[in-house]
Amino acid sequence: TEVLLHTVDGTVYRTRTRISQWEQLLDDRCVRVHRSYIVNLRFIRKISKTEVTLKDGTALPLSRKMYEGLNQALIHYF
C-alpha cells in the first residue's frame, strides 16, 4: 500500500500513490521493470534477462513481461 521513491541525493519519500499511478505520471525516462519497481533509464548500467543493474551497483529483478519493453525504451531513449 506504500510506494517508496528514492531520489538521486539519497532521500526516500513514502507515498500512498499506487505504483501504477506513478507509472502514468512519470515521463518516458521512467520504465516499469517489475511489478514492484520503476527505474529511470539514465541510471541503468546494464540489463540481463532477469536483472537490471543500476549505476550505483543496485540490482533489481526484471520481469520477463517487462524485458522487451525495457529494451525498446532504451533504444528510443539513447
Protein backbone atom coordinates (compact mmCIF):
# COMPACT_ATOMS: atom_id res chain seq x y z
CA THR A 1 0.00 0.00 0.00
CA GLU A 2 3.03 2.27 0.22
CA VAL A 3 5.45 3.26 -2.51
CA LEU A 4 8.98 4.36 -1.68
CA LEU A 5 10.55 6.94 -4.01
CA HIS A 6 14.35 7.00 -3.99
CA THR A 7 15.99 10.19 -5.25
CA VAL A 8 19.48 10.81 -6.60
CA ASP A 9 20.56 12.53 -3.39
CA GLY A 10 19.54 9.50 -1.32
CA THR A 11 16.30 10.90 0.05
CA VAL A 12 13.46 8.39 0.35
CA TYR A 13 9.84 9.53 0.24
CA ARG A 14 6.88 7.41 1.34
CA THR A 15 3.65 7.85 -0.58
CA ARG A 16 0.30 6.11 -0.78
CA THR A 17 0.05 6.80 -4.51
CA ARG A 18 -0.01 3.42 -6.26
CA ILE A 19 2.89 2.37 -8.43
CA SER A 20 0.54 2.13 -11.43
CA GLN A 21 -0.38 5.79 -10.90
CA TRP A 22 3.30 6.77 -10.70
CA GLU A 23 3.87 4.86 -13.92
CA GLN A 24 1.30 7.10 -15.64
CA LEU A 25 2.55 10.31 -14.05
CA LEU A 26 6.24 9.88 -14.83
CA ASP A 27 7.66 10.63 -18.29
CA ASP A 28 9.24 8.24 -20.82
CA ARG A 29 12.58 8.20 -18.98
CA CYS A 30 10.99 6.08 -16.26
CA VAL A 31 10.09 2.50 -17.11
CA ARG A 32 8.48 -0.24 -15.07
CA VAL A 33 10.84 -3.20 -14.87
CA HIS A 34 8.93 -5.33 -12.35
CA ARG A 35 5.59 -5.14 -10.58
CA SER A 36 7.44 -3.50 -7.70
CA TYR A 37 9.94 -1.24 -9.49
CA ILE A 38 10.04 1.73 -11.84
CA VAL A 39 13.52 2.84 -12.94
CA ASN A 40 14.83 6.00 -14.58
CA LEU A 41 16.63 4.91 -17.77
CA ARG A 42 19.51 7.32 -17.06
CA PHE A 43 20.57 5.23 -14.08
CA ILE A 44 20.71 1.81 -15.73
CA ARG A 45 24.20 0.39 -16.17
CA LYS A 46 23.27 -2.99 -17.64
CA ILE A 47 20.41 -5.42 -18.08
CA SER A 48 20.16 -9.17 -18.35
CA LYS A 49 17.11 -11.36 -18.93
CA THR A 50 16.35 -11.38 -15.20
CA GLU A 51 18.01 -8.32 -13.68
CA VAL A 52 18.55 -4.57 -14.04
CA THR A 53 21.78 -3.23 -12.55
CA LEU A 54 21.87 0.45 -11.70
CA LYS A 55 24.92 2.69 -11.90
CA ASP A 56 25.29 2.57 -8.11
CA GLY A 57 25.50 -1.23 -8.22
CA THR A 58 21.97 -1.92 -7.03
CA ALA A 59 20.50 -5.00 -8.70
CA LEU A 60 16.73 -5.13 -9.25
CA PRO A 61 14.67 -8.02 -10.60
CA LEU A 62 13.49 -7.70 -14.20
CA SER A 63 10.16 -9.26 -15.04
CA ARG A 64 10.02 -11.46 -18.15
CA LYS A 65 6.98 -9.46 -19.26
CA MET A 66 8.85 -6.16 -18.93
CA TYR A 67 12.10 -7.22 -20.64
CA GLU A 68 11.10 -6.37 -24.23
CA GLY A 69 9.50 -3.08 -23.23
CA LEU A 70 12.66 -2.08 -21.39
CA ASN A 71 14.80 -2.90 -24.42
CA GLN A 72 12.57 -0.78 -26.66
CA ALA A 73 12.61 2.10 -24.20
CA LEU A 74 16.42 2.01 -24.04
CA ILE A 75 16.68 2.02 -27.83
CA HIS A 76 14.41 5.06 -28.10
CA TYR A 77 15.98 6.89 -25.17
CA PHE A 78 19.57 6.59 -26.36
